[in-house]
């Protein structure tokens, strides 16, 4: 193999490796963002269900409170 061909292959390798690293970083960022989005959605659904349950609890308990006469 000639020296020119070796240098050409070395040059191509030095260009391909950083590009591959950037692609990996982009894919990792995308996966992490998707995971964060799913996590936030699950938390918000849990909070909404909890608040809905608290609202129903308050409405039921308010109906059971004795009425006080006003003066």
C-alpha atoms as a PDB file:
ATOM      1  CA  UNK A   1       0.000   0.000   0.000  1.00  0.00           C
ATOM      2  CA  UNK A   2       1.454   3.348  -0.986  1.00  0.00           C
ATOM      3  CA  UNK A   3       2.039   6.205   1.422  1.00  0.00           C
ATOM      4  CA  UNK A   4      -0.561   8.378  -0.350  1.00  0.00           C
ATOM      5  CA  UNK A   5      -3.266   5.765   0.100  1.00  0.00           C
ATOM      6  CA  UNK A   6      -2.363   5.332   3.770  1.00  0.00           C
ATOM      7  CA  UNK A   7      -2.527   9.098   4.342  1.00  0.00           C
ATOM      8  CA  UNK A   8      -5.858   9.290   2.518  1.00  0.00           C
ATOM      9  CA  UNK A   9      -7.316   6.538   4.699  1.00  0.00           C
ATOM     10  CA  UNK A  10      -5.964   8.211   7.826  1.00  0.00           C
ATOM     11  CA  UNK A  11      -7.490  11.524   6.736  1.00  0.00           C
ATOM     12  CA  UNK A  12     -10.859   9.911   6.091  1.00  0.00           C
ATOM     13  CA  UNK A  13     -10.768   8.175   9.471  1.00  0.00           C
ATOM     14  CA  UNK A  14     -10.050  11.471  11.224  1.00  0.00           C
ATOM     15  CA  UNK A  15     -13.098  12.978   9.526  1.00  0.00           C
ATOM     16  CA  UNK A  16     -15.445  10.029  10.124  1.00  0.00           C
ATOM     17  CA  UNK A  17     -14.762   9.558  13.843  1.00  0.00           C
ATOM     18  CA  UNK A  18     -15.900  13.039  14.977  1.00  0.00           C
ATOM     19  CA  UNK A  19     -18.945  12.822  12.712  1.00  0.00           C
ATOM     20  CA  UNK A  20     -19.876   9.476  14.287  1.00  0.00           C
ATOM     21  CA  UNK A  21     -19.430  10.990  17.740  1.00  0.00           C
ATOM     22  CA  UNK A  22     -21.757  13.872  16.857  1.00  0.00           C
ATOM     23  CA  UNK A  23     -24.373  11.472  15.514  1.00  0.00           C
ATOM     24  CA  UNK A  24     -24.163   9.429  18.712  1.00  0.00           C
ATOM     25  CA  UNK A  25     -24.529  12.564  20.847  1.00  0.00           C
ATOM     26  CA  UNK A  26     -27.593  13.682  18.854  1.00  0.00           C
ATOM     27  CA  UNK A  27     -29.268  10.297  19.200  1.00  0.00           C
ATOM     28  CA  UNK A  28     -28.485  10.173  22.915  1.00  0.00           C
ATOM     29  CA  UNK A  29     -29.903  13.671  23.424  1.00  0.00           C
ATOM     30  CA  UNK A  30     -33.061  12.712  21.556  1.00  0.00           C
ATOM     31  CA  UNK A  31     -33.505   9.553  23.644  1.00  0.00           C
ATOM     32  CA  UNK A  32     -32.943  11.474  26.884  1.00  0.00           C
ATOM     33  CA  UNK A  33     -35.420  14.182  25.889  1.00  0.00           C
ATOM     34  CA  UNK A  34     -38.026  11.555  25.038  1.00  0.00           C
ATOM     35  CA  UNK A  35     -37.474   9.843  28.376  1.00  0.00           C
ATOM     36  CA  UNK A  36     -37.793  13.152  30.219  1.00  0.00           C
ATOM     37  CA  UNK A  37     -40.998  13.939  28.328  1.00  0.00           C
ATOM     38  CA  UNK A  38     -42.496  10.550  29.236  1.00  0.00           C
ATOM     39  CA  UNK A  39     -41.487  11.004  32.859  1.00  0.00           C
ATOM     40  CA  UNK A  40     -43.033  14.466  33.082  1.00  0.00           C
ATOM     41  CA  UNK A  41     -46.214  13.219  31.458  1.00  0.00           C
ATOM     42  CA  UNK A  42     -46.489  10.372  33.970  1.00  0.00           C
ATOM     43  CA  UNK A  43     -45.930  12.757  36.881  1.00  0.00           C
ATOM     44  CA  UNK A  44     -48.525  15.208  35.585  1.00  0.00           C
ATOM     45  CA  UNK A  45     -51.078  12.415  35.129  1.00  0.00           C
ATOM     46  CA  UNK A  46     -50.408  11.205  38.674  1.00  0.00           C
ATOM     47  CA  UNK A  47     -50.852  14.711  40.070  1.00  0.00           C
ATOM     48  CA  UNK A  48     -54.038  15.230  38.051  1.00  0.00           C
ATOM     49  CA  UNK A  49     -55.481  11.937  39.312  1.00  0.00           C
ATOM     50  CA  UNK A  50     -54.535  12.854  42.870  1.00  0.00           C
ATOM     51  CA  UNK A  51     -56.157  16.262  42.602  1.00  0.00           C
ATOM     52  CA  UNK A  52     -59.271  14.762  41.044  1.00  0.00           C
ATOM     53  CA  UNK A  53     -59.514  12.345  43.950  1.00  0.00           C
ATOM     54  CA  UNK A  54     -59.000  15.183  46.447  1.00  0.00           C
ATOM     55  CA  UNK A  55     -61.710  17.227  44.732  1.00  0.00           C
ATOM     56  CA  UNK A  56     -64.202  14.373  44.943  1.00  0.00           C
ATOM     57  CA  UNK A  57     -63.218  13.783  48.586  1.00  0.00           C
ATOM     58  CA  UNK A  58     -63.807  17.453  49.452  1.00  0.00           C
ATOM     59  CA  UNK A  59     -67.161  17.571  47.674  1.00  0.00           C
ATOM     60  CA  UNK A  60     -68.373  14.416  49.452  1.00  0.00           C
ATOM     61  CA  UNK A  61     -67.184  15.628  52.854  1.00  0.00           C
ATOM     62  CA  UNK A  62     -68.659  19.105  52.379  1.00  0.00           C
ATOM     63  CA  UNK A  63     -72.042  17.528  51.717  1.00  0.00           C
ATOM     64  CA  UNK A  64     -71.814  15.730  55.080  1.00  0.00           C
ATOM     65  CA  UNK A  65     -71.036  18.856  57.124  1.00  0.00           C
ATOM     66  CA  UNK A  66     -73.907  20.021  59.310  1.00  0.00           C
ATOM     67  CA  UNK A  67     -75.492  23.273  58.252  1.00  0.00           C
ATOM     68  CA  UNK A  68     -75.016  26.131  60.719  1.00  0.00           C
ATOM     69  CA  UNK A  69     -77.769  28.650  61.069  1.00  0.00           C
ATOM     70  CA  UNK A  70     -76.802  32.174  60.143  1.00  0.00           C
ATOM     71  CA  UNK A  71     -77.776  35.118  62.363  1.00  0.00           C
END
